[in-house]
Amino acid sequence: MDQPVPKYYKIYEKLLKQIRQGKYNENNLFPSDTELVKKFRVSRGTVREAIKLLFQQGYLVREQGKGTFVTYKKIQQDPDKLIGFTELMRQHHVKPTARIIEKKIVQAPAHIEHIMELKTDKKVARIIRLRFGDNQPLIIERSYFSYKLFSPIYDKDLENNSIYELLYDHTDTRLGDANQCIEAISAGQQEQELLEIELGTPLLLIKRLINTREGIVFQYSEDVYRSDRINFYTKTVPYNSDKDPHNLPLELEDQNIF
């Protein structure tokens, strides 16, 4: 016997259909809970359950002090290609800007010393930047750079320039491969304040270790991305049915880096 469809799910389906049919354009202000309660003649709790599904699927985003907005055109990034935030924004015709939250020269903490394989010179530049796309906060970059390699550009304008472009313009250092790990996290207090989102909002944490072409570690970063604004896409190789049937379709390599 079929179970009755809950009221909140019916409302979710109606709102989703309206979004997909273009009733609400990208970045349009979405109706408030009060307006939806009146429209559908249901309780506030029922409306909130319906809205929760739209948030979870990335169709809505809440801006503190501004309201709820429709968002379904996300910035896509290929995790298999090393690209700076500035270039990524340019590719999507979005204006990139930044704000320095912290900029210090420090002795590497023990775990950073281990990750970056620092043997003798353990001095690093710790840079925390808040990155914006069209004036909307998108990413918190928390990075450690090898100070020996980073020192020529340490005093450059890191708010209005790409670090990688500065590196290539003012040094002979050239970047090589990178290892990345993507995790799902929830917004804490700092993320809530800087990204202008609600506490507990789902986010993406990208841990990234970047080497020079000579194999020297240049940077280790733990960047927090707004998952409602940026997503990652990747392409896998076809499944090979001739392999051991107990093997996974994808060959996952445990780097034990992070």
C-alpha atoms as a PDB file:
ATOM      1  CA  MET A   1       0.000   0.000   0.000  1.00  0.00           C
ATOM      2  CA  ASP A   2       1.432   3.357  -1.053  1.00  0.00           C
ATOM      3  CA  GLN A   3       2.279   5.786   1.732  1.00  0.00           C
ATOM      4  CA  PRO A   4       0.697   9.265   1.473  1.00  0.00           C
ATOM      5  CA  VAL A   5       3.092  11.976   0.278  1.00  0.00           C
ATOM      6  CA  PRO A   6       3.869  14.434   3.126  1.00  0.00           C
ATOM      7  CA  LYS A   7       2.632  18.003   2.708  1.00  0.00           C
ATOM      8  CA  TYR A   8       6.139  19.440   2.924  1.00  0.00           C
ATOM      9  CA  TYR A   9       7.309  17.237   0.043  1.00  0.00           C
ATOM     10  CA  LYS A  10       4.428  18.324  -2.181  1.00  0.00           C
ATOM     11  CA  ILE A  11       5.337  21.958  -1.488  1.00  0.00           C
ATOM     12  CA  TYR A  12       8.999  21.207  -2.208  1.00  0.00           C
ATOM     13  CA  GLU A  13       8.068  19.681  -5.573  1.00  0.00           C
ATOM     14  CA  LYS A  14       5.926  22.692  -6.507  1.00  0.00           C
ATOM     15  CA  LEU A  15       8.664  25.180  -5.588  1.00  0.00           C
ATOM     16  CA  LEU A  16      11.340  23.139  -7.364  1.00  0.00           C
ATOM     17  CA  LYS A  17       9.211  23.029 -10.517  1.00  0.00           C
ATOM     18  CA  GLN A  18       8.761  26.821 -10.385  1.00  0.00           C
ATOM     19  CA  ILE A  19      12.521  27.356 -10.025  1.00  0.00           C
ATOM     20  CA  ARG A  20      13.321  25.006 -12.912  1.00  0.00           C
ATOM     21  CA  GLN A  21      10.696  26.630 -15.114  1.00  0.00           C
ATOM     22  CA  GLY A  22      12.280  30.040 -14.540  1.00  0.00           C
ATOM     23  CA  LYS A  23       9.701  31.709 -12.296  1.00  0.00           C
ATOM     24  CA  TYR A  24      12.608  32.727 -10.080  1.00  0.00           C
ATOM     25  CA  ASN A  25      15.723  33.859 -11.916  1.00  0.00           C
ATOM     26  CA  GLU A  26      19.258  33.353 -10.659  1.00  0.00           C
ATOM     27  CA  ASN A  27      19.912  35.608  -7.625  1.00  0.00           C
ATOM     28  CA  ASN A  28      16.213  36.503  -7.268  1.00  0.00           C
ATOM     29  CA  LEU A  29      14.985  37.050  -3.725  1.00  0.00           C
ATOM     30  CA  PHE A  30      12.955  34.001  -2.714  1.00  0.00           C
ATOM     31  CA  PRO A  31       9.651  34.343  -0.796  1.00  0.00           C
ATOM     32  CA  SER A  32       9.949  34.405   2.988  1.00  0.00           C
ATOM     33  CA  ASP A  33       8.604  31.643   5.223  1.00  0.00           C
ATOM     34  CA  THR A  34       5.706  33.899   6.162  1.00  0.00           C
ATOM     35  CA  GLU A  35       4.757  34.447   2.525  1.00  0.00           C
ATOM     36  CA  LEU A  36       4.909  30.718   1.791  1.00  0.00           C
ATOM     37  CA  VAL A  37       2.813  29.902   4.867  1.00  0.00           C
ATOM     38  CA  LYS A  38       0.087  32.197   3.555  1.00  0.00           C
ATOM     39  CA  LYS A  39       0.410  30.905  -0.007  1.00  0.00           C
ATOM     40  CA  PHE A  40       0.151  27.204   0.827  1.00  0.00           C
ATOM     41  CA  ARG A  41      -1.961  27.563   3.999  1.00  0.00           C
ATOM     42  CA  VAL A  42       0.240  25.274   6.039  1.00  0.00           C
ATOM     43  CA  SER A  43       2.289  25.576   9.227  1.00  0.00           C
ATOM     44  CA  ARG A  44       5.673  27.274   9.362  1.00  0.00           C
ATOM     45  CA  GLY A  45       7.270  23.931  10.247  1.00  0.00           C
ATOM     46  CA  THR A  46       5.915  22.347   7.059  1.00  0.00           C
ATOM     47  CA  VAL A  47       7.277  25.213   4.952  1.00  0.00           C
ATOM     48  CA  ARG A  48      10.678  24.971   6.588  1.00  0.00           C
ATOM     49  CA  GLU A  49      10.908  21.242   5.859  1.00  0.00           C
ATOM     50  CA  ALA A  50      10.195  21.956   2.173  1.00  0.00           C
ATOM     51  CA  ILE A  51      12.729  24.801   2.056  1.00  0.00           C
ATOM     52  CA  LYS A  52      15.340  22.642   3.767  1.00  0.00           C
ATOM     53  CA  LEU A  53      15.289  20.254   0.800  1.00  0.00           C
ATOM     54  CA  LEU A  54      15.868  23.138  -1.632  1.00  0.00           C
ATOM     55  CA  PHE A  55      18.839  24.300   0.441  1.00  0.00           C
ATOM     56  CA  GLN A  56      20.282  20.788   0.616  1.00  0.00           C
ATOM     57  CA  GLN A  57      20.082  20.417  -3.169  1.00  0.00           C
ATOM     58  CA  GLY A  58      21.737  23.763  -3.805  1.00  0.00           C
ATOM     59  CA  TYR A  59      18.779  25.707  -5.205  1.00  0.00           C
ATOM     60  CA  LEU A  60      18.670  28.307  -2.443  1.00  0.00           C
ATOM     61  CA  VAL A  61      21.241  30.260  -0.467  1.00  0.00           C
ATOM     62  CA  ARG A  62      20.711  32.441   2.574  1.00  0.00           C
ATOM     63  CA  GLU A  63      22.644  35.705   2.908  1.00  0.00           C
ATOM     64  CA  GLN A  64      22.810  37.078   6.439  1.00  0.00           C
ATOM     65  CA  GLY A  65      20.777  40.245   6.810  1.00  0.00           C
ATOM     66  CA  LYS A  66      19.613  40.097   3.185  1.00  0.00           C
ATOM     67  CA  GLY A  67      17.297  37.111   2.803  1.00  0.00           C
ATOM     68  CA  THR A  68      17.089  33.897   0.779  1.00  0.00           C
ATOM     69  CA  PHE A  69      18.089  33.846  -2.885  1.00  0.00           C
ATOM     70  CA  VAL A  70      17.752  31.415  -5.775  1.00  0.00           C
ATOM     71  CA  THR A  71      21.043  29.949  -6.966  1.00  0.00           C
ATOM     72  CA  TYR A  72      21.478  27.099  -9.413  1.00  0.00           C
ATOM     73  CA  LYS A  73      24.287  28.285 -11.696  1.00  0.00           C
ATOM     74  CA  LYS A  74      27.344  27.214  -9.741  1.00  0.00           C
ATOM     75  CA  ILE A  75      30.975  27.883 -10.534  1.00  0.00           C
ATOM     76  CA  GLN A  76      32.492  24.577 -11.617  1.00  0.00           C
ATOM     77  CA  GLN A  77      36.090  23.642 -10.919  1.00  0.00           C
ATOM     78  CA  ASP A  78      38.013  20.646 -12.210  1.00  0.00           C
ATOM     79  CA  PRO A  79      39.965  19.199  -9.237  1.00  0.00           C
ATOM     80  CA  ASP A  80      42.373  17.494 -11.642  1.00  0.00           C
ATOM     81  CA  LYS A  81      43.728  20.832 -12.885  1.00  0.00           C
ATOM     82  CA  LEU A  82      45.800  23.194 -10.750  1.00  0.00           C
ATOM     83  CA  ILE A  83      44.250  26.610 -11.250  1.00  0.00           C
ATOM     84  CA  GLY A  84      44.239  29.745  -9.138  1.00  0.00           C
ATOM     85  CA  PHE A  85      41.065  31.369  -7.859  1.00  0.00           C
ATOM     86  CA  THR A  86      41.618  34.472  -9.996  1.00  0.00           C
ATOM     87  CA  GLU A  87      41.843  32.482 -13.218  1.00  0.00           C
ATOM     88  CA  LEU A  88      38.847  30.327 -12.223  1.00  0.00           C
ATOM     89  CA  MET A  89      36.709  33.437 -11.712  1.00  0.00           C
ATOM     90  CA  ARG A  90      37.844  34.917 -15.021  1.00  0.00           C
ATOM     91  CA  GLN A  91      36.811  31.729 -16.823  1.00  0.00           C
ATOM     92  CA  HIS A  92      33.303  32.161 -15.419  1.00  0.00           C
ATOM     93  CA  HIS A  93      33.182  35.917 -16.086  1.00  0.00           C
ATOM     94  CA  VAL A  94      33.109  36.681 -12.371  1.00  0.00           C
ATOM     95  CA  LYS A  95      35.097  39.543 -10.812  1.00  0.00           C
ATOM     96  CA  PRO A  96      37.629  38.171  -8.268  1.00  0.00           C
ATOM     97  CA  THR A  97      38.689  40.145  -5.197  1.00  0.00           C
ATOM     98  CA  ALA A  98      40.285  39.287  -1.866  1.00  0.00           C
ATOM     99  CA  ARG A  99      40.706  40.497   1.696  1.00  0.00           C
ATOM    100  CA  ILE A 100      43.696  39.613   3.860  1.00  0.00           C
ATOM    101  CA  ILE A 101      42.581  38.184   7.201  1.00  0.00           C
ATOM    102  CA  GLU A 102      46.045  37.218   8.445  1.00  0.00           C
ATOM    103  CA  LYS A 103      49.590  37.552   7.110  1.00  0.00           C
ATOM    104  CA  LYS A 104      52.516  36.344   9.248  1.00  0.00           C
ATOM    105  CA  ILE A 105      55.954  34.794   9.070  1.00  0.00           C
ATOM    106  CA  VAL A 106      56.038  31.962  11.602  1.00  0.00           C
ATOM    107  CA  GLN A 107      57.860  28.791  12.527  1.00  0.00           C
ATOM    108  CA  ALA A 108      55.899  25.928  11.050  1.00  0.00           C
ATOM    109  CA  PRO A 109      53.667  24.085  13.547  1.00  0.00           C
ATOM    110  CA  ALA A 110      54.636  20.434  13.983  1.00  0.00           C
ATOM    111  CA  HIS A 111      51.910  19.035  11.712  1.00  0.00           C
ATOM    112  CA  ILE A 112      52.710  21.570   8.961  1.00  0.00           C
ATOM    113  CA  GLU A 113      56.410  20.794   9.269  1.00  0.00           C
ATOM    114  CA  HIS A 114      55.568  17.126   8.718  1.00  0.00           C
ATOM    115  CA  ILE A 115      53.163  17.682   5.802  1.00  0.00           C
ATOM    116  CA  MET A 116      55.509  20.091   3.990  1.00  0.00           C
ATOM    117  CA  GLU A 117      58.567  17.913   4.703  1.00  0.00           C
ATOM    118  CA  LEU A 118      60.533  20.855   6.109  1.00  0.00           C
ATOM    119  CA  LYS A 119      64.014  19.639   7.062  1.00  0.00           C
ATOM    120  CA  THR A 120      66.208  22.658   7.843  1.00  0.00           C
ATOM    121  CA  ASP A 121      64.455  25.949   7.051  1.00  0.00           C
ATOM    122  CA  LYS A 122      61.154  25.622   8.925  1.00  0.00           C
ATOM    123  CA  LYS A 123      60.020  29.195   8.436  1.00  0.00           C
ATOM    124  CA  VAL A 124      56.715  29.590   6.598  1.00  0.00           C
ATOM    125  CA  ALA A 125      54.446  32.426   5.489  1.00  0.00           C
ATOM    126  CA  ARG A 126      50.950  31.947   6.883  1.00  0.00           C
ATOM    127  CA  ILE A 127      48.373  33.699   4.724  1.00  0.00           C
ATOM    128  CA  ILE A 128      44.619  33.670   5.316  1.00  0.00           C
ATOM    129  CA  ARG A 129      42.540  35.328   2.607  1.00  0.00           C
ATOM    130  CA  LEU A 130      38.829  35.691   2.092  1.00  0.00           C
ATOM    131  CA  ARG A 131      38.073  35.384  -1.625  1.00  0.00           C
ATOM    132  CA  PHE A 132      35.103  37.063  -3.276  1.00  0.00           C
ATOM    133  CA  GLY A 133      33.354  36.537  -6.599  1.00  0.00           C
ATOM    134  CA  ASP A 134      31.279  39.539  -7.720  1.00  0.00           C
ATOM    135  CA  ASN A 135      31.540  40.810  -4.117  1.00  0.00           C
ATOM    136  CA  GLN A 136      30.120  37.595  -2.642  1.00  0.00           C
ATOM    137  CA  PRO A 137      32.335  35.692  -0.158  1.00  0.00           C
ATOM    138  CA  LEU A 138      33.132  32.283  -1.645  1.00  0.00           C
ATOM    139  CA  ILE A 139      36.315  30.824  -0.152  1.00  0.00           C
ATOM    140  CA  ILE A 140      38.444  31.088   2.973  1.00  0.00           C
ATOM    141  CA  GLU A 141      42.025  30.282   1.984  1.00  0.00           C
ATOM    142  CA  ARG A 142      44.236  29.184   4.879  1.00  0.00           C
ATOM    143  CA  SER A 143      47.706  28.637   3.421  1.00  0.00           C
ATOM    144  CA  TYR A 144      51.276  27.962   4.493  1.00  0.00           C
ATOM    145  CA  PHE A 145      54.024  28.805   1.997  1.00  0.00           C
ATOM    146  CA  SER A 146      57.704  27.904   2.069  1.00  0.00           C
ATOM    147  CA  TYR A 147      59.104  31.263   3.136  1.00  0.00           C
ATOM    148  CA  LYS A 148      62.316  30.746   1.142  1.00  0.00           C
ATOM    149  CA  LEU A 149      60.283  30.461  -2.062  1.00  0.00           C
ATOM    150  CA  PHE A 150      57.549  32.910  -1.088  1.00  0.00           C
ATOM    151  CA  SER A 151      59.706  35.732   0.332  1.00  0.00           C
ATOM    152  CA  PRO A 152      60.193  37.605  -3.015  1.00  0.00           C
ATOM    153  CA  ILE A 153      56.434  38.256  -3.207  1.00  0.00           C
ATOM    154  CA  TYR A 154      55.587  38.455   0.506  1.00  0.00           C
ATOM    155  CA  ASP A 155      55.350  42.261   0.433  1.00  0.00           C
ATOM    156  CA  LYS A 156      53.415  42.395  -2.844  1.00  0.00           C
ATOM    157  CA  ASP A 157      49.726  43.316  -3.012  1.00  0.00           C
ATOM    158  CA  LEU A 158      48.093  39.976  -2.188  1.00  0.00           C
ATOM    159  CA  GLU A 159      44.579  41.385  -2.101  1.00  0.00           C
ATOM    160  CA  ASN A 160      44.420  42.632  -5.664  1.00  0.00           C
ATOM    161  CA  ASN A 161      46.669  40.069  -7.347  1.00  0.00           C
ATOM    162  CA  SER A 162      46.882  36.345  -7.905  1.00  0.00           C
ATOM    163  CA  ILE A 163      49.637  34.782  -5.790  1.00  0.00           C
ATOM    164  CA  TYR A 164      50.503  32.391  -8.606  1.00  0.00           C
ATOM    165  CA  GLU A 165      50.723  35.193 -11.159  1.00  0.00           C
ATOM    166  CA  LEU A 166      52.955  37.201  -8.810  1.00  0.00           C
ATOM    167  CA  LEU A 167      55.124  34.134  -8.304  1.00  0.00           C
ATOM    168  CA  TYR A 168      55.573  33.663 -12.057  1.00  0.00           C
ATOM    169  CA  ASP A 169      56.125  37.368 -12.724  1.00  0.00           C
ATOM    170  CA  HIS A 170      58.723  37.973  -9.998  1.00  0.00           C
ATOM    171  CA  THR A 171      60.493  34.652  -9.435  1.00  0.00           C
ATOM    172  CA  ASP A 172      61.880  31.681 -11.332  1.00  0.00           C
ATOM    173  CA  THR A 173      59.765  29.249  -9.286  1.00  0.00           C
ATOM    174  CA  ARG A 174      57.439  27.146 -11.396  1.00  0.00           C
ATOM    175  CA  LEU A 175      54.718  24.944  -9.950  1.00  0.00           C
ATOM    176  CA  GLY A 176      54.520  21.229 -10.567  1.00  0.00           C
ATOM    177  CA  ASP A 177      52.044  18.636  -9.392  1.00  0.00           C
ATOM    178  CA  ALA A 178      49.610  18.845  -6.494  1.00  0.00           C
ATOM    179  CA  ASN A 179      47.821  16.432  -4.178  1.00  0.00           C
ATOM    180  CA  GLN A 180      44.296  17.270  -3.062  1.00  0.00           C
ATOM    181  CA  CYS A 181      41.807  15.869  -0.588  1.00  0.00           C
ATOM    182  CA  ILE A 182      38.153  16.985  -0.568  1.00  0.00           C
ATOM    183  CA  GLU A 183      36.067  16.651   2.595  1.00  0.00           C
ATOM    184  CA  ALA A 184      32.604  17.722   3.698  1.00  0.00           C
ATOM    185  CA  ILE A 185      32.437  19.923   6.813  1.00  0.00           C
ATOM    186  CA  SER A 186      29.967  22.199   8.595  1.00  0.00           C
ATOM    187  CA  ALA A 187      30.412  25.923   9.115  1.00  0.00           C
ATOM    188  CA  GLY A 188      31.856  26.964  12.472  1.00  0.00           C
ATOM    189  CA  GLN A 189      31.809  30.443  13.950  1.00  0.00           C
ATOM    190  CA  GLN A 190      34.599  31.870  11.768  1.00  0.00           C
ATOM    191  CA  GLU A 191      33.082  30.429   8.586  1.00  0.00           C
ATOM    192  CA  GLN A 192      29.683  31.784   9.603  1.00  0.00           C
ATOM    193  CA  GLU A 193      31.057  35.302  10.024  1.00  0.00           C
ATOM    194  CA  LEU A 194      33.389  35.444   7.023  1.00  0.00           C
ATOM    195  CA  LEU A 195      31.203  33.632   4.481  1.00  0.00           C
ATOM    196  CA  GLU A 196      27.984  35.259   5.760  1.00  0.00           C
ATOM    197  CA  ILE A 197      26.170  31.967   6.168  1.00  0.00           C
ATOM    198  CA  GLU A 198      24.354  30.145   8.935  1.00  0.00           C
ATOM    199  CA  LEU A 199      26.170  28.109  11.581  1.00  0.00           C
ATOM    200  CA  GLY A 200      26.307  24.473  10.470  1.00  0.00           C
ATOM    201  CA  THR A 201      25.932  25.207   6.746  1.00  0.00           C
ATOM    202  CA  PRO A 202      27.479  22.388   4.626  1.00  0.00           C
ATOM    203  CA  LEU A 203      30.865  23.391   3.170  1.00  0.00           C
ATOM    204  CA  LEU A 204      33.720  21.778   1.257  1.00  0.00           C
ATOM    205  CA  LEU A 205      37.214  21.586   2.737  1.00  0.00           C
ATOM    206  CA  ILE A 206      39.999  21.238   0.162  1.00  0.00           C
ATOM    207  CA  LYS A 207      43.375  20.206   1.546  1.00  0.00           C
ATOM    208  CA  ARG A 208      46.014  20.913  -1.093  1.00  0.00           C
ATOM    209  CA  LEU A 209      49.756  20.258  -1.215  1.00  0.00           C
ATOM    210  CA  ILE A 210      51.556  21.939  -4.137  1.00  0.00           C
ATOM    211  CA  ASN A 211      55.103  21.162  -5.255  1.00  0.00           C
ATOM    212  CA  THR A 212      57.486  22.995  -7.522  1.00  0.00           C
ATOM    213  CA  ARG A 213      58.644  21.326 -10.732  1.00  0.00           C
ATOM    214  CA  GLU A 214      61.749  20.273  -8.806  1.00  0.00           C
ATOM    215  CA  GLY A 215      59.602  18.420  -6.275  1.00  0.00           C
ATOM    216  CA  ILE A 216      59.997  20.919  -3.420  1.00  0.00           C
ATOM    217  CA  VAL A 217      56.855  21.672  -1.424  1.00  0.00           C
ATOM    218  CA  PHE A 218      55.760  25.250  -2.113  1.00  0.00           C
ATOM    219  CA  GLN A 219      52.373  25.410  -0.400  1.00  0.00           C
ATOM    220  CA  TYR A 220      50.019  23.580   1.882  1.00  0.00           C
ATOM    221  CA  SER A 221      46.505  24.953   2.221  1.00  0.00           C
ATOM    222  CA  GLU A 222      43.184  24.110   3.799  1.00  0.00           C
ATOM    223  CA  ASP A 223      40.600  26.065   1.821  1.00  0.00           C
ATOM    224  CA  VAL A 224      36.921  26.197   2.748  1.00  0.00           C
ATOM    225  CA  TYR A 225      34.497  26.540  -0.175  1.00  0.00           C
ATOM    226  CA  ARG A 226      30.844  27.517  -0.144  1.00  0.00           C
ATOM    227  CA  SER A 227      29.283  24.402  -1.620  1.00  0.00           C
ATOM    228  CA  ASP A 228      26.190  26.355  -2.664  1.00  0.00           C
ATOM    229  CA  ARG A 229      28.310  28.521  -4.968  1.00  0.00           C
ATOM    230  CA  ILE A 230      31.153  26.288  -6.177  1.00  0.00           C
ATOM    231  CA  ASN A 231      31.183  22.612  -7.076  1.00  0.00           C
ATOM    232  CA  PHE A 232      33.799  20.188  -8.367  1.00  0.00           C
ATOM    233  CA  TYR A 233      33.450  17.851 -11.295  1.00  0.00           C
ATOM    234  CA  THR A 234      35.670  15.027 -12.417  1.00  0.00           C
ATOM    235  CA  LYS A 235      35.763  12.360 -15.108  1.00  0.00           C
ATOM    236  CA  THR A 236      36.511   8.727 -14.322  1.00  0.00           C
ATOM    237  CA  VAL A 237      37.948   6.033 -16.554  1.00  0.00           C
ATOM    238  CA  PRO A 238      35.564   3.294 -17.755  1.00  0.00           C
ATOM    239  CA  TYR A 239      35.084   0.247 -15.593  1.00  0.00           C
ATOM    240  CA  ASN A 240      37.193  -2.649 -16.832  1.00  0.00           C
ATOM    241  CA  SER A 241      35.179  -5.827 -16.501  1.00  0.00           C
ATOM    242  CA  ASP A 242      38.285  -7.941 -17.212  1.00  0.00           C
ATOM    243  CA  LYS A 243      39.823  -7.022 -13.884  1.00  0.00           C
ATOM    244  CA  ASP A 244      39.498  -8.985 -10.685  1.00  0.00           C
ATOM    245  CA  PRO A 245      35.776  -8.785  -9.835  1.00  0.00           C
ATOM    246  CA  HIS A 246      36.698  -7.968  -6.248  1.00  0.00           C
ATOM    247  CA  ASN A 247      38.577  -4.833  -7.292  1.00  0.00           C
ATOM    248  CA  LEU A 248      37.015  -1.405  -7.164  1.00  0.00           C
ATOM    249  CA  PRO A 249      36.169   0.269 -10.506  1.00  0.00           C
ATOM    250  CA  LEU A 250      38.431   3.161  -9.501  1.00  0.00           C
ATOM    251  CA  GLU A 251      42.018   2.715  -8.409  1.00  0.00           C
ATOM    252  CA  LEU A 252      42.327   4.784  -5.248  1.00  0.00           C
ATOM    253  CA  GLU A 253      45.823   5.548  -4.039  1.00  0.00           C
ATOM    254  CA  ASP A 254      46.358   6.297  -0.352  1.00  0.00           C
ATOM    255  CA  GLN A 255      49.022   8.975  -0.327  1.00  0.00           C
ATOM    256  CA  ASN A 256      49.075   9.293   3.496  1.00  0.00           C
ATOM    257  CA  ILE A 257      49.893  12.967   3.019  1.00  0.00           C
ATOM    258  CA  PHE A 258      47.226  14.676   5.065  1.00  0.00           C
END
